[in-house]
Amino acid sequence: MARVNMEEIVDHLSSEIRKALALTVRDEFPDADFNERALFRKFRRNVGRKCSTWEYVPDQYVDSN
């Protein structure tokens, strides 16, 4: 199994994840008023709290190219 650094992955994909997270919240809670960047910061913080810095993932989910 491969190890991935969860915080670094979230940081690397921050723009894409931030937009997807905001879209999800808007779809689920159309009347919600929130700051997209603040929501992402809290999400990132919670990823850090709920995941180990290094998480193991099956090799089939990792391509080293």
C-alpha atoms as a PDB file:
ATOM      1  CA  MET A   1       0.000   0.000   0.000  1.00  0.00           C
ATOM      2  CA  ALA A   2       1.094   3.520  -0.735  1.00  0.00           C
ATOM      3  CA  ARG A   3       1.104   6.410   1.724  1.00  0.00           C
ATOM      4  CA  VAL A   4      -0.231   9.848   0.852  1.00  0.00           C
ATOM      5  CA  ASN A   5       0.073  13.099   2.740  1.00  0.00           C
ATOM      6  CA  MET A   6      -3.547  14.178   3.143  1.00  0.00           C
ATOM      7  CA  GLU A   7      -2.884  17.807   4.062  1.00  0.00           C
ATOM      8  CA  GLU A   8      -0.558  18.267   1.109  1.00  0.00           C
ATOM      9  CA  ILE A   9      -3.082  16.710  -1.280  1.00  0.00           C
ATOM     10  CA  VAL A  10      -5.845  19.001  -0.014  1.00  0.00           C
ATOM     11  CA  ASP A  11      -3.513  22.003  -0.328  1.00  0.00           C
ATOM     12  CA  HIS A  12      -2.412  20.998  -3.830  1.00  0.00           C
ATOM     13  CA  LEU A  13      -6.017  20.643  -5.007  1.00  0.00           C
ATOM     14  CA  SER A  14      -7.341  23.517  -2.890  1.00  0.00           C
ATOM     15  CA  SER A  15      -8.906  25.497  -5.729  1.00  0.00           C
ATOM     16  CA  GLU A  16     -10.763  22.502  -7.141  1.00  0.00           C
ATOM     17  CA  ILE A  17     -11.800  21.140  -3.749  1.00  0.00           C
ATOM     18  CA  ARG A  18     -12.936  24.572  -2.538  1.00  0.00           C
ATOM     19  CA  LYS A  19     -15.214  24.983  -5.552  1.00  0.00           C
ATOM     20  CA  ALA A  20     -16.588  21.433  -5.294  1.00  0.00           C
ATOM     21  CA  LEU A  21     -17.263  21.840  -1.578  1.00  0.00           C
ATOM     22  CA  ALA A  22     -19.083  25.149  -2.123  1.00  0.00           C
ATOM     23  CA  LEU A  23     -21.147  23.652  -4.952  1.00  0.00           C
ATOM     24  CA  THR A  24     -22.107  20.709  -2.739  1.00  0.00           C
ATOM     25  CA  VAL A  25     -23.223  22.958   0.109  1.00  0.00           C
ATOM     26  CA  ARG A  26     -25.217  25.151  -2.305  1.00  0.00           C
ATOM     27  CA  ASP A  27     -26.887  22.067  -3.821  1.00  0.00           C
ATOM     28  CA  GLU A  28     -27.793  20.619  -0.431  1.00  0.00           C
ATOM     29  CA  PHE A  29     -28.652  23.889   1.314  1.00  0.00           C
ATOM     30  CA  PRO A  30     -29.762  26.370  -1.363  1.00  0.00           C
ATOM     31  CA  ASP A  31     -30.566  29.126   1.159  1.00  0.00           C
ATOM     32  CA  ALA A  32     -27.287  28.810   3.058  1.00  0.00           C
ATOM     33  CA  ASP A  33     -25.176  31.926   3.317  1.00  0.00           C
ATOM     34  CA  PHE A  34     -21.483  31.115   3.687  1.00  0.00           C
ATOM     35  CA  ASN A  35     -18.030  32.292   2.728  1.00  0.00           C
ATOM     36  CA  GLU A  36     -16.464  29.805   0.297  1.00  0.00           C
ATOM     37  CA  ARG A  37     -12.924  30.409   1.547  1.00  0.00           C
ATOM     38  CA  ALA A  38     -13.885  30.198   5.232  1.00  0.00           C
ATOM     39  CA  LEU A  39     -15.768  26.962   4.571  1.00  0.00           C
ATOM     40  CA  PHE A  40     -12.713  25.490   2.865  1.00  0.00           C
ATOM     41  CA  ARG A  41     -10.387  26.571   5.701  1.00  0.00           C
ATOM     42  CA  LYS A  42     -12.632  24.778   8.202  1.00  0.00           C
ATOM     43  CA  PHE A  43     -12.821  21.736   5.924  1.00  0.00           C
ATOM     44  CA  ARG A  44      -9.025  21.651   5.619  1.00  0.00           C
ATOM     45  CA  ARG A  45      -8.653  21.954   9.387  1.00  0.00           C
ATOM     46  CA  ASN A  46     -11.086  19.073   9.911  1.00  0.00           C
ATOM     47  CA  VAL A  47      -9.268  16.892   7.390  1.00  0.00           C
ATOM     48  CA  GLY A  48      -6.161  17.459   9.487  1.00  0.00           C
ATOM     49  CA  ARG A  49      -8.040  16.492  12.651  1.00  0.00           C
ATOM     50  CA  LYS A  50      -9.806  13.422  11.286  1.00  0.00           C
ATOM     51  CA  CYS A  51      -7.051  11.991   9.082  1.00  0.00           C
ATOM     52  CA  SER A  52      -3.529  11.043   9.949  1.00  0.00           C
ATOM     53  CA  THR A  53      -0.927  13.187   8.235  1.00  0.00           C
ATOM     54  CA  TRP A  54       0.064  10.106   6.250  1.00  0.00           C
ATOM     55  CA  GLU A  55      -2.783   7.807   5.212  1.00  0.00           C
ATOM     56  CA  TYR A  56      -2.389   4.448   3.526  1.00  0.00           C
ATOM     57  CA  VAL A  57      -4.270   3.907   0.271  1.00  0.00           C
ATOM     58  CA  PRO A  58      -4.378   0.829  -1.961  1.00  0.00           C
ATOM     59  CA  ASP A  59      -1.702   0.847  -4.665  1.00  0.00           C
ATOM     60  CA  GLN A  60      -4.364   0.771  -7.366  1.00  0.00           C
ATOM     61  CA  TYR A  61      -5.299   4.354  -6.425  1.00  0.00           C
ATOM     62  CA  VAL A  62      -1.777   5.704  -6.906  1.00  0.00           C
ATOM     63  CA  ASP A  63       0.035   6.320 -10.181  1.00  0.00           C
ATOM     64  CA  SER A  64       3.589   7.504  -9.735  1.00  0.00           C
ATOM     65  CA  ASN A  65       3.945   8.882 -13.269  1.00  0.00           C
END
